[in-house]
Amino acid sequence: MPRSVNVVAARHRRKKMMKMAKGYFGRRKNVWTVAKNAIEKGLVYAYRDRKAKKRDFRALWIQRINAGAREHGLSYSALMGALKKANIDLNRKVLADLAMNHPEAFKSIVEKVK
């Protein structure tokens, strides 16, 4: 009896992966083994960097808040401590946006907690 192989499913799986390799350069886009390795590596980077993105943005927000706070004679840690003590619940994303795009609103928040 001949060996039965589910070619339909295998082809579908390969086609799906090759579609993900579109836009790659050279053999990475059209040679199965090379493309498969490139896609797997890319997916690993994507997973890792979704986590790193959160860290990077938090660091950016902290730098922006610190710069805004220092214009008004406070450090970042002093500002955040004063906000916590005054029960002002604004997250770092919002505070950074205020410090950068709405300095007068940020100034009023700083004056409230001073």
PDB file of N, CA and C in Angstrom:
ATOM      1  N   MET A   1       0.839  -1.182   0.000  1.00  0.00           N
ATOM      2  CA  MET A   1       0.000   0.000   0.000  1.00  0.00           C
ATOM      3  C   MET A   1       0.888   1.250   0.000  1.00  0.00           C
ATOM      4  N   PRO A   2       0.575   2.209  -0.848  1.00  0.00           N
ATOM      5  CA  PRO A   2       1.410   3.413  -0.922  1.00  0.00           C
ATOM      6  C   PRO A   2       1.254   4.281   0.333  1.00  0.00           C
ATOM      7  N   ARG A   3       2.331   5.029   0.584  1.00  0.00           N
ATOM      8  CA  ARG A   3       2.339   5.916   1.755  1.00  0.00           C
ATOM      9  C   ARG A   3       1.395   7.091   1.522  1.00  0.00           C
ATOM     10  N   SER A   4       0.591   7.406   2.508  1.00  0.00           N
ATOM     11  CA  SER A   4      -0.356   8.510   2.387  1.00  0.00           C
ATOM     12  C   SER A   4       0.219   9.743   3.080  1.00  0.00           C
ATOM     13  N   VAL A   5       0.318  10.832   2.344  1.00  0.00           N
ATOM     14  CA  VAL A   5       0.844  12.073   2.877  1.00  0.00           C
ATOM     15  C   VAL A   5      -0.192  13.164   2.628  1.00  0.00           C
ATOM     16  N   ASN A   6      -0.449  13.948   3.628  1.00  0.00           N
ATOM     17  CA  ASN A   6      -1.434  15.019   3.479  1.00  0.00           C
ATOM     18  C   ASN A   6      -0.755  16.237   2.849  1.00  0.00           C
ATOM     19  N   VAL A   7      -0.640  16.211   1.527  1.00  0.00           N
ATOM     20  CA  VAL A   7       0.061  17.262   0.793  1.00  0.00           C
ATOM     21  C   VAL A   7      -0.699  18.581   0.871  1.00  0.00           C
ATOM     22  N   VAL A   8      -2.017  18.500   0.928  1.00  0.00           N
ATOM     23  CA  VAL A   8      -2.823  19.716   0.950  1.00  0.00           C
ATOM     24  C   VAL A   8      -2.487  20.550   2.185  1.00  0.00           C
ATOM     25  N   ALA A   9      -2.455  19.901   3.341  1.00  0.00           N
ATOM     26  CA  ALA A   9      -2.161  20.619   4.581  1.00  0.00           C
ATOM     27  C   ALA A   9      -0.725  21.129   4.590  1.00  0.00           C
ATOM     28  N   ALA A  10       0.201  20.310   4.113  1.00  0.00           N
ATOM     29  CA  ALA A  10       1.613  20.706   4.095  1.00  0.00           C
ATOM     30  C   ALA A  10       1.818  21.910   3.173  1.00  0.00           C
ATOM     31  N   ARG A  11       1.172  21.886   2.005  1.00  0.00           N
ATOM     32  CA  ARG A  11       1.311  22.999   1.066  1.00  0.00           C
ATOM     33  C   ARG A  11       0.705  24.271   1.662  1.00  0.00           C
ATOM     34  N   HIS A  12      -0.429  24.108   2.324  1.00  0.00           N
ATOM     35  CA  HIS A  12      -1.073  25.267   2.951  1.00  0.00           C
ATOM     36  C   HIS A  12      -0.155  25.887   4.006  1.00  0.00           C
ATOM     37  N   ARG A  13       0.477  25.022   4.795  1.00  0.00           N
ATOM     38  CA  ARG A  13       1.378  25.494   5.839  1.00  0.00           C
ATOM     39  C   ARG A  13       2.573  26.243   5.233  1.00  0.00           C
ATOM     40  N   ARG A  14       3.141  25.678   4.160  1.00  0.00           N
ATOM     41  CA  ARG A  14       4.286  26.322   3.505  1.00  0.00           C
ATOM     42  C   ARG A  14       3.883  27.631   2.847  1.00  0.00           C
ATOM     43  N   LYS A  15       2.714  27.631   2.196  1.00  0.00           N
ATOM     44  CA  LYS A  15       2.253  28.856   1.525  1.00  0.00           C
ATOM     45  C   LYS A  15       2.040  29.981   2.539  1.00  0.00           C
ATOM     46  N   LYS A  16       1.499  29.616   3.687  1.00  0.00           N
ATOM     47  CA  LYS A  16       1.250  30.610   4.735  1.00  0.00           C
ATOM     48  C   LYS A  16       2.575  31.218   5.204  1.00  0.00           C
ATOM     49  N   MET A  17       3.583  30.367   5.380  1.00  0.00           N
ATOM     50  CA  MET A  17       4.898  30.850   5.815  1.00  0.00           C
ATOM     51  C   MET A  17       5.557  31.685   4.716  1.00  0.00           C
ATOM     52  N   MET A  18       5.458  31.237   3.463  1.00  0.00           N
ATOM     53  CA  MET A  18       6.094  31.975   2.362  1.00  0.00           C
ATOM     54  C   MET A  18       5.438  33.347   2.187  1.00  0.00           C
ATOM     55  N   LYS A  19       4.141  33.416   2.492  1.00  0.00           N
ATOM     56  CA  LYS A  19       3.460  34.707   2.410  1.00  0.00           C
ATOM     57  C   LYS A  19       4.041  35.664   3.446  1.00  0.00           C
ATOM     58  N   MET A  20       4.417  35.123   4.606  1.00  0.00           N
ATOM     59  CA  MET A  20       5.023  35.953   5.652  1.00  0.00           C
ATOM     60  C   MET A  20       6.420  36.435   5.245  1.00  0.00           C
ATOM     61  N   ALA A  21       7.065  35.720   4.317  1.00  0.00           N
ATOM     62  CA  ALA A  21       8.433  36.063   3.909  1.00  0.00           C
ATOM     63  C   ALA A  21       8.461  37.098   2.792  1.00  0.00           C
ATOM     64  N   LYS A  22       7.298  37.541   2.335  1.00  0.00           N
ATOM     65  CA  LYS A  22       7.276  38.556   1.274  1.00  0.00           C
ATOM     66  C   LYS A  22       7.966  39.816   1.767  1.00  0.00           C
ATOM     67  N   GLY A  23       8.780  40.405   0.904  1.00  0.00           N
ATOM     68  CA  GLY A  23       9.498  41.610   1.278  1.00  0.00           C
ATOM     69  C   GLY A  23      10.905  41.343   1.766  1.00  0.00           C
ATOM     70  N   TYR A  24      11.223  40.082   2.043  1.00  0.00           N
ATOM     71  CA  TYR A  24      12.587  39.753   2.429  1.00  0.00           C
ATOM     72  C   TYR A  24      13.482  39.807   1.196  1.00  0.00           C
ATOM     73  N   PHE A  25      14.796  39.924   1.413  1.00  0.00           N
ATOM     74  CA  PHE A  25      15.741  40.079   0.320  1.00  0.00           C
ATOM     75  C   PHE A  25      16.407  38.755  -0.023  1.00  0.00           C
ATOM     76  N   GLY A  26      16.618  38.528  -1.305  1.00  0.00           N
ATOM     77  CA  GLY A  26      17.368  37.364  -1.764  1.00  0.00           C
ATOM     78  C   GLY A  26      16.630  36.058  -1.550  1.00  0.00           C
ATOM     79  N   ARG A  27      17.385  34.999  -1.163  1.00  0.00           N
ATOM     80  CA  ARG A  27      16.783  33.676  -1.012  1.00  0.00           C
ATOM     81  C   ARG A  27      15.834  33.592   0.164  1.00  0.00           C
ATOM     82  N   ARG A  28      15.873  34.588   1.053  1.00  0.00           N
ATOM     83  CA  ARG A  28      15.002  34.556   2.219  1.00  0.00           C
ATOM     84  C   ARG A  28      13.532  34.645   1.815  1.00  0.00           C
ATOM     85  N   LYS A  29      13.258  35.151   0.612  1.00  0.00           N
ATOM     86  CA  LYS A  29      11.865  35.312   0.225  1.00  0.00           C
ATOM     87  C   LYS A  29      11.323  34.155  -0.603  1.00  0.00           C
ATOM     88  N   ASN A  30      12.191  33.303  -1.192  1.00  0.00           N
ATOM     89  CA  ASN A  30      11.638  32.290  -2.083  1.00  0.00           C
ATOM     90  C   ASN A  30      12.197  30.876  -1.919  1.00  0.00           C
ATOM     91  N   VAL A  31      13.167  30.668  -1.032  1.00  0.00           N
ATOM     92  CA  VAL A  31      13.685  29.327  -0.773  1.00  0.00           C
ATOM     93  C   VAL A  31      13.146  28.883   0.577  1.00  0.00           C
ATOM     94  N   TRP A  32      12.433  27.752   0.579  1.00  0.00           N
ATOM     95  CA  TRP A  32      11.680  27.336   1.755  1.00  0.00           C
ATOM     96  C   TRP A  32      12.506  27.282   3.035  1.00  0.00           C
ATOM     97  N   THR A  33      13.644  26.584   3.018  1.00  0.00           N
ATOM     98  CA  THR A  33      14.397  26.392   4.258  1.00  0.00           C
ATOM     99  C   THR A  33      14.967  27.716   4.772  1.00  0.00           C
ATOM    100  N   VAL A  34      15.453  28.547   3.861  1.00  0.00           N
ATOM    101  CA  VAL A  34      16.019  29.836   4.256  1.00  0.00           C
ATOM    102  C   VAL A  34      14.912  30.753   4.769  1.00  0.00           C
ATOM    103  N   ALA A  35      13.790  30.762   4.050  1.00  0.00           N
ATOM    104  CA  ALA A  35      12.658  31.612   4.435  1.00  0.00           C
ATOM    105  C   ALA A  35      12.106  31.191   5.790  1.00  0.00           C
ATOM    106  N   LYS A  36      11.990  29.881   6.011  1.00  0.00           N
ATOM    107  CA  LYS A  36      11.446  29.384   7.274  1.00  0.00           C
ATOM    108  C   LYS A  36      12.300  29.853   8.448  1.00  0.00           C
ATOM    109  N   ASN A  37      13.618  29.749   8.301  1.00  0.00           N
ATOM    110  CA  ASN A  37      14.522  30.194   9.369  1.00  0.00           C
ATOM    111  C   ASN A  37      14.398  31.696   9.606  1.00  0.00           C
ATOM    112  N   ALA A  38      14.291  32.460   8.514  1.00  0.00           N
ATOM    113  CA  ALA A  38      14.194  33.914   8.633  1.00  0.00           C
ATOM    114  C   ALA A  38      12.884  34.316   9.313  1.00  0.00           C
ATOM    115  N   ILE A  39      11.802  33.635   8.968  1.00  0.00           N
ATOM    116  CA  ILE A  39      10.500  33.948   9.558  1.00  0.00           C
ATOM    117  C   ILE A  39      10.501  33.621  11.046  1.00  0.00           C
ATOM    118  N   GLU A  40      11.033  32.445  11.398  1.00  0.00           N
ATOM    119  CA  GLU A  40      11.063  32.054  12.812  1.00  0.00           C
ATOM    120  C   GLU A  40      11.875  33.048  13.633  1.00  0.00           C
ATOM    121  N   LYS A  41      13.007  33.474  13.069  1.00  0.00           N
ATOM    122  CA  LYS A  41      13.852  34.457  13.764  1.00  0.00           C
ATOM    123  C   LYS A  41      13.106  35.781  13.904  1.00  0.00           C
ATOM    124  N   GLY A  42      12.412  36.175  12.843  1.00  0.00           N
ATOM    125  CA  GLY A  42      11.651  37.420  12.879  1.00  0.00           C
ATOM    126  C   GLY A  42      10.537  37.387  13.905  1.00  0.00           C
ATOM    127  N   LEU A  43       9.874  36.238  14.037  1.00  0.00           N
ATOM    128  CA  LEU A  43       8.799  36.110  15.021  1.00  0.00           C
ATOM    129  C   LEU A  43       9.340  36.147  16.445  1.00  0.00           C
ATOM    130  N   VAL A  44      10.532  35.600  16.642  1.00  0.00           N
ATOM    131  CA  VAL A  44      11.179  35.670  17.958  1.00  0.00           C
ATOM    132  C   VAL A  44      11.483  37.129  18.301  1.00  0.00           C
ATOM    133  N   TYR A  45      12.037  37.876  17.336  1.00  0.00           N
ATOM    134  CA  TYR A  45      12.330  39.286  17.558  1.00  0.00           C
ATOM    135  C   TYR A  45      11.040  40.060  17.846  1.00  0.00           C
ATOM    136  N   ALA A  46       9.974  39.752  17.113  1.00  0.00           N
ATOM    137  CA  ALA A  46       8.703  40.465  17.294  1.00  0.00           C
ATOM    138  C   ALA A  46       8.165  40.245  18.701  1.00  0.00           C
ATOM    139  N   TYR A  47       8.235  39.011  19.187  1.00  0.00           N
ATOM    140  CA  TYR A  47       7.747  38.697  20.536  1.00  0.00           C
ATOM    141  C   TYR A  47       8.581  39.435  21.579  1.00  0.00           C
ATOM    142  N   ARG A  48       9.907  39.364  21.418  1.00  0.00           N
ATOM    143  CA  ARG A  48      10.816  40.006  22.371  1.00  0.00           C
ATOM    144  C   ARG A  48      10.596  41.522  22.393  1.00  0.00           C
ATOM    145  N   ASP A  49      10.459  42.113  21.212  1.00  0.00           N
ATOM    146  CA  ASP A  49      10.418  43.564  21.132  1.00  0.00           C
ATOM    147  C   ASP A  49       9.055  44.144  21.474  1.00  0.00           C
ATOM    148  N   ARG A  50       8.009  43.321  21.485  1.00  0.00           N
ATOM    149  CA  ARG A  50       6.736  43.814  22.011  1.00  0.00           C
ATOM    150  C   ARG A  50       6.874  44.112  23.495  1.00  0.00           C
ATOM    151  N   LYS A  51       7.698  43.328  24.187  1.00  0.00           N
ATOM    152  CA  LYS A  51       7.955  43.575  25.604  1.00  0.00           C
ATOM    153  C   LYS A  51       8.913  44.773  25.767  1.00  0.00           C
ATOM    154  N   ALA A  52       9.943  44.825  24.932  1.00  0.00           N
ATOM    155  CA  ALA A  52      10.942  45.893  25.031  1.00  0.00           C
ATOM    156  C   ALA A  52      10.331  47.258  24.717  1.00  0.00           C
ATOM    157  N   LYS A  53       9.347  47.271  23.821  1.00  0.00           N
ATOM    158  CA  LYS A  53       8.692  48.520  23.438  1.00  0.00           C
ATOM    159  C   LYS A  53       8.066  49.200  24.654  1.00  0.00           C
ATOM    160  N   LYS A  54       7.459  48.410  25.519  1.00  0.00           N
ATOM    161  CA  LYS A  54       6.839  48.955  26.730  1.00  0.00           C
ATOM    162  C   LYS A  54       7.894  49.589  27.634  1.00  0.00           C
ATOM    163  N   ARG A  55       9.036  48.913  27.771  1.00  0.00           N
ATOM    164  CA  ARG A  55      10.129  49.466  28.583  1.00  0.00           C
ATOM    165  C   ARG A  55      10.659  50.759  27.985  1.00  0.00           C
ATOM    166  N   ASP A  56      10.836  50.763  26.646  1.00  0.00           N
ATOM    167  CA  ASP A  56      11.396  51.934  25.975  1.00  0.00           C
ATOM    168  C   ASP A  56      10.485  53.150  26.128  1.00  0.00           C
ATOM    169  N   PHE A  57       9.182  52.938  25.967  1.00  0.00           N
ATOM    170  CA  PHE A  57       8.261  54.061  26.078  1.00  0.00           C
ATOM    171  C   PHE A  57       8.192  54.589  27.505  1.00  0.00           C
ATOM    172  N   ARG A  58       8.211  53.685  28.482  1.00  0.00           N
ATOM    173  CA  ARG A  58       8.189  54.138  29.884  1.00  0.00           C
ATOM    174  C   ARG A  58       9.420  55.002  30.167  1.00  0.00           C
ATOM    175  N   ALA A  59      10.581  54.573  29.685  1.00  0.00           N
ATOM    176  CA  ALA A  59      11.816  55.341  29.881  1.00  0.00           C
ATOM    177  C   ALA A  59      11.712  56.714  29.209  1.00  0.00           C
ATOM    178  N   LEU A  60      11.124  56.761  28.022  1.00  0.00           N
ATOM    179  CA  LEU A  60      10.958  58.028  27.301  1.00  0.00           C
ATOM    180  C   LEU A  60      10.027  58.969  28.067  1.00  0.00           C
ATOM    181  N   TRP A  61       8.927  58.411  28.570  1.00  0.00           N
ATOM    182  CA  TRP A  61       7.978  59.236  29.327  1.00  0.00           C
ATOM    183  C   TRP A  61       8.641  59.814  30.577  1.00  0.00           C
ATOM    184  N   ILE A  62       9.434  59.000  31.254  1.00  0.00           N
ATOM    185  CA  ILE A  62      10.103  59.461  32.474  1.00  0.00           C
ATOM    186  C   ILE A  62      11.072  60.595  32.147  1.00  0.00           C
ATOM    187  N   GLN A  63      11.803  60.481  31.046  1.00  0.00           N
ATOM    188  CA  GLN A  63      12.734  61.536  30.648  1.00  0.00           C
ATOM    189  C   GLN A  63      11.992  62.840  30.345  1.00  0.00           C
ATOM    190  N   ARG A  64      10.856  62.725  29.676  1.00  0.00           N
ATOM    191  CA  ARG A  64      10.083  63.924  29.331  1.00  0.00           C
ATOM    192  C   ARG A  64       9.493  64.583  30.573  1.00  0.00           C
ATOM    193  N   ILE A  65       8.992  63.776  31.498  1.00  0.00           N
ATOM    194  CA  ILE A  65       8.440  64.327  32.744  1.00  0.00           C
ATOM    195  C   ILE A  65       9.555  64.996  33.547  1.00  0.00           C
ATOM    196  N   ASN A  66      10.709  64.359  33.601  1.00  0.00           N
ATOM    197  CA  ASN A  66      11.847  64.908  34.336  1.00  0.00           C
ATOM    198  C   ASN A  66      12.266  66.258  33.752  1.00  0.00           C
ATOM    199  N   ALA A  67      12.318  66.343  32.429  1.00  0.00           N
ATOM    200  CA  ALA A  67      12.698  67.603  31.784  1.00  0.00           C
ATOM    201  C   ALA A  67      11.680  68.693  32.096  1.00  0.00           C
ATOM    202  N   GLY A  68      10.398  68.336  32.040  1.00  0.00           N
ATOM    203  CA  GLY A  68       9.350  69.309  32.351  1.00  0.00           C
ATOM    204  C   GLY A  68       9.376  69.735  33.808  1.00  0.00           C
ATOM    205  N   ALA A  69       9.624  68.784  34.693  1.00  0.00           N
ATOM    206  CA  ALA A  69       9.644  69.089  36.127  1.00  0.00           C
ATOM    207  C   ALA A  69      10.818  69.989  36.477  1.00  0.00           C
ATOM    208  N   ARG A  70      11.960  69.745  35.870  1.00  0.00           N
ATOM    209  CA  ARG A  70      13.159  70.539  36.178  1.00  0.00           C
ATOM    210  C   ARG A  70      13.015  71.993  35.719  1.00  0.00           C
ATOM    211  N   GLU A  71      12.181  72.240  34.708  1.00  0.00           N
ATOM    212  CA  GLU A  71      11.905  73.617  34.295  1.00  0.00           C
ATOM    213  C   GLU A  71      11.198  74.393  35.404  1.00  0.00           C
ATOM    214  N   HIS A  72      10.512  73.645  36.278  1.00  0.00           N
ATOM    215  CA  HIS A  72       9.768  74.274  37.370  1.00  0.00           C
ATOM    216  C   HIS A  72      10.436  74.037  38.725  1.00  0.00           C
ATOM    217  N   GLY A  73      11.694  73.623  38.721  1.00  0.00           N
ATOM    218  CA  GLY A  73      12.472  73.515  39.944  1.00  0.00           C
ATOM    219  C   GLY A  73      12.239  72.254  40.759  1.00  0.00           C
ATOM    220  N   LEU A  74      11.741  71.212  40.129  1.00  0.00           N
ATOM    221  CA  LEU A  74      11.539  69.927  40.806  1.00  0.00           C
ATOM    222  C   LEU A  74      12.273  68.838  40.047  1.00  0.00           C
ATOM    223  N   SER A  75      12.633  67.789  40.762  1.00  0.00           N
ATOM    224  CA  SER A  75      13.166  66.614  40.072  1.00  0.00           C
ATOM    225  C   SER A  75      11.998  65.675  39.762  1.00  0.00           C
ATOM    226  N   TYR A  76      12.262  64.673  38.953  1.00  0.00           N
ATOM    227  CA  TYR A  76      11.225  63.694  38.596  1.00  0.00           C
ATOM    228  C   TYR A  76      10.693  62.995  39.839  1.00  0.00           C
ATOM    229  N   SER A  77      11.615  62.519  40.691  1.00  0.00           N
ATOM    230  CA  SER A  77      11.180  61.747  41.855  1.00  0.00           C
ATOM    231  C   SER A  77      10.402  62.622  42.832  1.00  0.00           C
ATOM    232  N   ALA A  78      10.812  63.862  42.998  1.00  0.00           N
ATOM    233  CA  ALA A  78      10.094  64.769  43.892  1.00  0.00           C
ATOM    234  C   ALA A  78       8.695  65.050  43.362  1.00  0.00           C
ATOM    235  N   LEU A  79       8.585  65.242  42.050  1.00  0.00           N
ATOM    236  CA  LEU A  79       7.279  65.484  41.430  1.00  0.00           C
ATOM    237  C   LEU A  79       6.360  64.280  41.597  1.00  0.00           C
ATOM    238  N   MET A  80       6.873  63.086  41.321  1.00  0.00           N
ATOM    239  CA  MET A  80       6.040  61.887  41.414  1.00  0.00           C
ATOM    240  C   MET A  80       5.618  61.628  42.858  1.00  0.00           C
ATOM    241  N   GLY A  81       6.523  61.889  43.813  1.00  0.00           N
ATOM    242  CA  GLY A  81       6.163  61.738  45.220  1.00  0.00           C
ATOM    243  C   GLY A  81       5.091  62.725  45.637  1.00  0.00           C
ATOM    244  N   ALA A  82       5.214  63.967  45.166  1.00  0.00           N
ATOM    245  CA  ALA A  82       4.228  64.999  45.496  1.00  0.00           C
ATOM    246  C   ALA A  82       2.871  64.684  44.866  1.00  0.00           C
ATOM    247  N   LEU A  83       2.888  64.157  43.635  1.00  0.00           N
ATOM    248  CA  LEU A  83       1.635  63.772  42.976  1.00  0.00           C
ATOM    249  C   LEU A  83       0.937  62.657  43.752  1.00  0.00           C
ATOM    250  N   LYS A  84       1.717  61.693  44.201  1.00  0.00           N
ATOM    251  CA  LYS A  84       1.158  60.573  44.965  1.00  0.00           C
ATOM    252  C   LYS A  84       0.556  61.081  46.275  1.00  0.00           C
ATOM    253  N   LYS A  85       1.278  62.007  46.936  1.00  0.00           N
ATOM    254  CA  LYS A  85       0.819  62.545  48.218  1.00  0.00           C
ATOM    255  C   LYS A  85      -0.459  63.378  48.048  1.00  0.00           C
ATOM    256  N   ALA A  86      -0.562  64.067  46.895  1.00  0.00           N
ATOM    257  CA  ALA A  86      -1.735  64.918  46.631  1.00  0.00           C
ATOM    258  C   ALA A  86      -2.891  64.122  46.024  1.00  0.00           C
ATOM    259  N   ASN A  87      -2.725  62.810  45.886  1.00  0.00           N
ATOM    260  CA  ASN A  87      -3.757  61.925  45.303  1.00  0.00           C
ATOM    261  C   ASN A  87      -4.152  62.338  43.883  1.00  0.00           C
ATOM    262  N   ILE A  88      -3.166  62.753  43.109  1.00  0.00           N
ATOM    263  CA  ILE A  88      -3.395  63.054  41.695  1.00  0.00           C
ATOM    264  C   ILE A  88      -2.950  61.828  40.905  1.00  0.00           C
ATOM    265  N   ASP A  89      -3.911  61.116  40.345  1.00  0.00           N
ATOM    266  CA  ASP A  89      -3.626  59.858  39.646  1.00  0.00           C
ATOM    267  C   ASP A  89      -3.538  60.091  38.143  1.00  0.00           C
ATOM    268  N   LEU A  90      -2.388  60.556  37.703  1.00  0.00           N
ATOM    269  CA  LEU A  90      -2.110  60.678  36.269  1.00  0.00           C
ATOM    270  C   LEU A  90      -0.958  59.747  35.951  1.00  0.00           C
ATOM    271  N   ASN A  91      -1.132  58.950  34.912  1.00  0.00           N
ATOM    272  CA  ASN A  91      -0.045  58.031  34.581  1.00  0.00           C
ATOM    273  C   ASN A  91       1.063  58.761  33.832  1.00  0.00           C
ATOM    274  N   ARG A  92       2.183  58.081  33.666  1.00  0.00           N
ATOM    275  CA  ARG A  92       3.361  58.710  33.078  1.00  0.00           C
ATOM    276  C   ARG A  92       3.129  59.104  31.618  1.00  0.00           C
ATOM    277  N   LYS A  93       2.334  58.337  30.914  1.00  0.00           N
ATOM    278  CA  LYS A  93       2.055  58.641  29.505  1.00  0.00           C
ATOM    279  C   LYS A  93       1.354  59.997  29.397  1.00  0.00           C
ATOM    280  N   VAL A  94       0.355  60.215  30.225  1.00  0.00           N
ATOM    281  CA  VAL A  94      -0.400  61.469  30.194  1.00  0.00           C
ATOM    282  C   VAL A  94       0.470  62.630  30.668  1.00  0.00           C
ATOM    283  N   LEU A  95       1.222  62.410  31.738  1.00  0.00           N
ATOM    284  CA  LEU A  95       2.098  63.470  32.244  1.00  0.00           C
ATOM    285  C   LEU A  95       3.143  63.881  31.210  1.00  0.00           C
ATOM    286  N   ALA A  96       3.705  62.899  30.519  1.00  0.00           N
ATOM    287  CA  ALA A  96       4.708  63.194  29.492  1.00  0.00           C
ATOM    288  C   ALA A  96       4.089  63.981  28.349  1.00  0.00           C
ATOM    289  N   ASP A  97       2.861  63.622  27.965  1.00  0.00           N
ATOM    290  CA  ASP A  97       2.181  64.341  26.895  1.00  0.00           C
ATOM    291  C   ASP A  97       1.903  65.781  27.314  1.00  0.00           C
ATOM    292  N   LEU A  98       1.466  65.963  28.557  1.00  0.00           N
ATOM    293  CA  LEU A  98       1.222  67.319  29.053  1.00  0.00           C
ATOM    294  C   LEU A  98       2.519  68.127  29.089  1.00  0.00           C
ATOM    295  N   ALA A  99       3.603  67.524  29.570  1.00  0.00           N
ATOM    296  CA  ALA A  99       4.882  68.230  29.671  1.00  0.00           C
ATOM    297  C   ALA A  99       5.389  68.664  28.299  1.00  0.00           C
ATOM    298  N   MET A 100       5.127  67.846  27.299  1.00  0.00           N
ATOM    299  CA  MET A 100       5.666  68.132  25.976  1.00  0.00           C
ATOM    300  C   MET A 100       4.749  69.032  25.143  1.00  0.00           C
ATOM    301  N   ASN A 101       3.453  68.723  25.128  1.00  0.00           N
ATOM    302  CA  ASN A 101       2.533  69.404  24.208  1.00  0.00           C
ATOM    303  C   ASN A 101       1.672  70.479  24.865  1.00  0.00           C
ATOM    304  N   HIS A 102       1.507  70.424  26.190  1.00  0.00           N
ATOM    305  CA  HIS A 102       0.669  71.396  26.893  1.00  0.00           C
ATOM    306  C   HIS A 102       1.396  71.880  28.146  1.00  0.00           C
ATOM    307  N   PRO A 103       2.451  72.682  27.966  1.00  0.00           N
ATOM    308  CA  PRO A 103       3.268  73.078  29.110  1.00  0.00           C
ATOM    309  C   PRO A 103       2.504  73.888  30.162  1.00  0.00           C
ATOM    310  N   GLU A 104       1.481  74.660  29.731  1.00  0.00           N
ATOM    311  CA  GLU A 104       0.726  75.447  30.708  1.00  0.00           C
ATOM    312  C   GLU A 104      -0.103  74.542  31.625  1.00  0.00           C
ATOM    313  N   ALA A 105      -0.665  73.469  31.089  1.00  0.00           N
ATOM    314  CA  ALA A 105      -1.411  72.506  31.905  1.00  0.00           C
ATOM    315  C   ALA A 105      -0.460  71.769  32.854  1.00  0.00           C
ATOM    316  N   PHE A 106       0.724  71.404  32.341  1.00  0.00           N
ATOM    317  CA  PHE A 106       1.721  70.738  33.183  1.00  0.00           C
ATOM    318  C   PHE A 106       2.164  71.663  34.315  1.00  0.00           C
ATOM    319  N   LYS A 107       2.335  72.959  33.984  1.00  0.00           N
ATOM    320  CA  LYS A 107       2.751  73.926  34.993  1.00  0.00           C
ATOM    321  C   LYS A 107       1.707  74.034  36.099  1.00  0.00           C
ATOM    322  N   SER A 108       0.426  74.015  35.729  1.00  0.00           N
ATOM    323  CA  SER A 108      -0.633  74.128  36.738  1.00  0.00           C
ATOM    324  C   SER A 108      -0.645  72.913  37.669  1.00  0.00           C
ATOM    325  N   ILE A 109      -0.328  71.732  37.105  1.00  0.00           N
ATOM    326  CA  ILE A 109      -0.242  70.505  37.930  1.00  0.00           C
ATOM    327  C   ILE A 109       0.927  70.616  38.905  1.00  0.00           C
ATOM    328  N   VAL A 110       2.065  71.110  38.408  1.00  0.00           N
ATOM    329  CA  VAL A 110       3.244  71.264  39.256  1.00  0.00           C
ATOM    330  C   VAL A 110       2.979  72.271  40.366  1.00  0.00           C
ATOM    331  N   GLU A 111       2.323  73.382  40.023  1.00  0.00           N
ATOM    332  CA  GLU A 111       2.011  74.402  41.029  1.00  0.00           C
ATOM    333  C   GLU A 111       1.056  73.863  42.091  1.00  0.00           C
ATOM    334  N   LYS A 112       0.150  72.980  41.681  1.00  0.00           N
ATOM    335  CA  LYS A 112      -0.822  72.405  42.621  1.00  0.00           C
ATOM    336  C   LYS A 112      -0.137  71.521  43.660  1.00  0.00           C
ATOM    337  N   VAL A 113       0.930  70.826  43.251  1.00  0.00           N
ATOM    338  CA  VAL A 113       1.571  69.904  44.178  1.00  0.00           C
ATOM    339  C   VAL A 113       2.758  70.509  44.930  1.00  0.00           C
ATOM    340  N   LYS A 114       3.181  71.691  44.549  1.00  0.00           N
ATOM    341  CA  LYS A 114       4.339  72.328  45.217  1.00  0.00           C
ATOM    342  C   LYS A 114       3.982  72.739  46.631  1.00  0.00           C
TER     343      LYS A 114
END
